[in-house]
Amino acid sequence: MKSMKLGKAFTLIESGPVVLVVTSDGKKNNIMTISWTMVTDFTPRFAITTGDWNYSFKALRKTRECVIAVPTVDMLDTVVGVGTCSGAETDKFSRFHLTPMRARVVRVPLIGECLANIECKVVDIVSKHNIVVLEGVAAHVDAARKEKRTVHAVGDGTFIVDGRKLDRRRQMASKVPDGV
């Protein structure tokens, strides 16, 4: 095996899929692109990594709610665009022609163009590691959407697109929760 720079090791296990996190401070909605996400277990509990450097973080900390919107590969240029400008001076819904839709539980809009949206409440902020732990309170999926492939950030400006789905449900039945 060939050695690599330790500073690039994260590109080997960069998580995914890339998501859009919607926040609102009560006056202005904003969207940030996040590639560092984690499912914590089989419950609707998730974690994202963000902090004070992100314009949306102040609203997230204040309102303690957000929407995790799951974009698909056909939205990649929008996802990158959202992630490379600041909500401090940009209305990202307008600039990227995204449709805000009313959420069921939180006071943050869903993104109509995304494959799925998960309404979330903040349950913990681990400041030392910039981890925000979220509890899903409602979920929505656009089952009629043709494109369902998500994208995963490598961390160096490149992305990997979901491919063929491989089914091993029978072999894993003892590990998968009922109803999944």
Protein backbone atom coordinates (compact mmCIF):
# COMPACT_ATOMS: atom_id res chain seq x y z
CA MET A 1 0.00 0.00 0.00
CA LYS A 2 1.06 3.54 -0.71
CA SER A 3 1.13 6.17 2.06
CA MET A 4 -1.15 9.17 1.80
CA LYS A 5 -1.25 12.51 3.60
CA LEU A 6 -3.07 12.09 6.90
CA GLY A 7 -4.84 15.39 6.26
CA LYS A 8 -6.68 13.74 3.38
CA ALA A 9 -7.75 10.60 5.29
CA PHE A 10 -11.28 11.97 5.72
CA THR A 11 -11.80 11.62 1.96
CA LEU A 12 -11.69 7.84 2.42
CA ILE A 13 -14.76 7.78 4.68
CA GLU A 14 -16.54 11.06 4.00
CA SER A 15 -20.14 10.44 4.87
CA GLY A 16 -23.16 11.02 2.75
CA PRO A 17 -25.51 11.67 1.24
CA VAL A 18 -25.01 15.39 0.87
CA VAL A 19 -28.07 17.14 2.33
CA LEU A 20 -29.54 20.61 2.40
CA VAL A 21 -30.35 21.87 5.90
CA VAL A 22 -33.06 24.51 6.04
CA THR A 23 -33.25 26.94 8.95
CA SER A 24 -35.24 30.05 9.79
CA ASP A 25 -34.60 32.77 12.33
CA GLY A 26 -38.28 33.74 12.19
CA LYS A 27 -37.65 36.45 9.61
CA LYS A 28 -35.52 34.80 6.96
CA ASN A 29 -35.26 31.24 5.70
CA ASN A 30 -31.85 29.91 4.78
CA ILE A 31 -30.33 26.74 3.33
CA MET A 32 -26.88 25.28 3.92
CA THR A 33 -25.24 22.34 2.23
CA ILE A 34 -23.93 19.72 4.66
CA SER A 35 -21.91 16.66 3.76
CA TRP A 36 -21.05 15.63 7.31
CA THR A 37 -24.13 13.79 8.51
CA MET A 38 -24.70 10.72 10.62
CA VAL A 39 -27.56 8.40 11.47
CA THR A 40 -27.11 7.54 15.15
CA ASP A 41 -29.23 4.36 15.28
CA PHE A 42 -32.53 2.95 14.02
CA THR A 43 -34.53 5.78 15.62
CA PRO A 44 -35.12 9.06 13.82
CA ARG A 45 -32.01 10.60 15.44
CA PHE A 46 -29.38 12.25 13.27
CA ALA A 47 -26.29 14.39 13.67
CA ILE A 48 -24.77 17.08 11.49
CA THR A 49 -21.54 18.99 11.84
CA THR A 50 -21.71 22.77 11.70
CA GLY A 51 -20.81 25.75 13.84
CA ASP A 52 -20.43 29.51 14.16
CA TRP A 53 -18.73 29.77 10.75
CA ASN A 54 -22.08 28.95 9.12
CA TYR A 55 -24.66 31.74 8.80
CA SER A 56 -27.46 29.21 9.48
CA PHE A 57 -25.98 28.06 12.78
CA LYS A 58 -27.24 31.11 14.70
CA ALA A 59 -30.84 30.39 13.61
CA LEU A 60 -30.42 26.68 14.33
CA ARG A 61 -29.20 27.43 17.85
CA LYS A 62 -31.95 30.03 18.43
CA THR A 63 -35.00 28.12 17.14
CA ARG A 64 -33.67 24.58 17.75
CA GLU A 65 -35.36 23.27 14.62
CA CYS A 66 -34.52 22.62 10.99
CA VAL A 67 -35.36 20.51 7.97
CA ILE A 68 -32.95 18.02 6.45
CA ALA A 69 -33.76 17.95 2.74
CA VAL A 70 -32.34 15.13 0.61
CA PRO A 71 -31.45 16.29 -2.91
CA THR A 72 -30.75 13.99 -5.85
CA VAL A 73 -28.00 13.93 -8.46
CA ASP A 74 -29.95 16.15 -10.87
CA MET A 75 -29.69 18.89 -8.23
CA LEU A 76 -25.89 18.70 -7.82
CA ASP A 77 -25.14 22.14 -9.30
CA THR A 78 -27.79 23.65 -7.02
CA VAL A 79 -26.35 21.82 -4.00
CA VAL A 80 -22.86 23.13 -4.78
CA GLY A 81 -24.20 26.63 -5.43
CA VAL A 82 -26.09 26.68 -2.13
CA GLY A 83 -22.92 25.58 -0.35
CA THR A 84 -20.66 28.17 -1.92
CA CYS A 85 -22.57 31.34 -1.07
CA SER A 86 -23.68 32.82 2.23
CA GLY A 87 -27.26 33.25 3.36
CA ALA A 88 -26.18 36.50 5.01
CA GLU A 89 -26.46 38.22 1.65
CA THR A 90 -28.34 35.68 -0.49
CA ASP A 91 -31.94 34.46 -0.54
CA LYS A 92 -31.06 30.92 -1.55
CA PHE A 93 -34.65 29.82 -2.20
CA SER A 94 -34.99 32.61 -4.76
CA ARG A 95 -31.49 32.45 -6.26
CA PHE A 96 -31.63 28.69 -6.84
CA HIS A 97 -35.34 28.54 -7.78
CA LEU A 98 -36.25 26.25 -4.87
CA THR A 99 -39.82 25.93 -3.67
CA PRO A 100 -40.44 26.43 0.06
CA MET A 101 -43.27 24.19 1.25
CA ARG A 102 -45.05 24.30 4.58
CA ALA A 103 -43.78 21.79 7.12
CA ARG A 104 -46.14 19.82 9.34
CA VAL A 105 -44.42 20.29 12.73
CA VAL A 106 -41.53 22.78 12.54
CA ARG A 107 -41.63 26.43 11.47
CA VAL A 108 -39.04 25.86 8.74
CA PRO A 109 -39.97 25.17 5.11
CA LEU A 110 -39.40 21.93 3.25
CA ILE A 111 -37.71 22.08 -0.17
CA GLY A 112 -40.22 20.97 -2.82
CA GLU A 113 -37.62 19.84 -5.35
CA CYS A 114 -35.92 17.39 -2.98
CA LEU A 115 -36.58 13.66 -2.86
CA ALA A 116 -37.25 13.74 0.87
CA ASN A 117 -37.50 16.16 3.79
CA ILE A 118 -37.11 15.36 7.49
CA GLU A 119 -38.43 17.88 10.00
CA CYS A 120 -36.12 17.98 13.02
CA LYS A 121 -35.74 19.42 16.50
CA VAL A 122 -32.32 20.02 18.05
CA VAL A 123 -31.79 17.75 21.07
CA ASP A 124 -28.13 18.54 21.75
CA ILE A 125 -25.26 20.68 20.53
CA VAL A 126 -21.84 19.25 21.30
CA SER A 127 -19.83 22.46 20.96
CA LYS A 128 -16.43 20.87 21.44
CA HIS A 129 -16.90 18.88 18.22
CA ASN A 130 -19.43 21.13 16.38
CA ILE A 131 -21.98 18.33 16.35
CA VAL A 132 -25.70 19.09 16.32
CA VAL A 133 -27.88 16.15 17.34
CA LEU A 134 -31.34 16.19 15.78
CA GLU A 135 -34.54 14.28 16.45
CA GLY A 136 -36.78 13.70 13.45
CA VAL A 137 -40.38 14.73 14.16
CA ALA A 138 -41.92 14.25 10.70
CA ALA A 139 -40.72 12.87 7.36
CA HIS A 140 -41.87 13.36 3.78
CA VAL A 141 -40.86 11.63 0.55
CA ASP A 142 -41.76 12.36 -3.06
CA ALA A 143 -42.44 8.79 -4.22
CA ALA A 144 -43.40 10.03 -7.70
CA ARG A 145 -39.99 11.61 -8.27
CA LYS A 146 -38.18 9.78 -11.06
CA GLU A 147 -34.61 10.59 -10.00
CA LYS A 148 -33.84 8.96 -6.67
CA ARG A 149 -30.03 8.73 -6.75
CA THR A 150 -28.29 10.80 -4.07
CA VAL A 151 -24.77 12.18 -4.13
CA HIS A 152 -21.96 11.69 -1.64
CA ALA A 153 -19.16 14.21 -1.19
CA VAL A 154 -15.62 12.88 -1.25
CA GLY A 155 -14.41 16.10 0.39
CA ASP A 156 -12.12 17.29 -2.39
CA GLY A 157 -14.72 18.84 -4.71
CA THR A 158 -15.72 15.51 -6.28
CA PHE A 159 -18.85 13.49 -5.67
CA ILE A 160 -19.97 9.89 -5.93
CA VAL A 161 -23.46 9.05 -7.20
CA ASP A 162 -25.49 6.17 -5.79
CA GLY A 163 -25.48 3.19 -8.06
CA ARG A 164 -27.21 -0.14 -8.23
CA LYS A 165 -29.10 -1.22 -5.13
CA LEU A 166 -28.09 -4.63 -3.77
CA ASP A 167 -30.66 -6.56 -1.73
CA ARG A 168 -29.51 -8.61 1.29
CA ARG A 169 -32.66 -8.18 3.40
CA ARG A 170 -33.13 -11.90 3.90
CA GLN A 171 -29.61 -12.39 5.24
CA MET A 172 -29.90 -9.34 7.50
CA ALA A 173 -33.48 -9.90 8.73
CA SER A 174 -32.38 -10.51 12.31
CA LYS A 175 -30.65 -7.09 12.43
CA VAL A 176 -33.25 -4.90 10.69
CA PRO A 177 -36.01 -3.42 12.89
CA ASP A 178 -39.61 -4.42 12.21
CA GLY A 179 -41.31 -2.24 9.64
CA VAL A 180 -38.11 -1.09 7.90
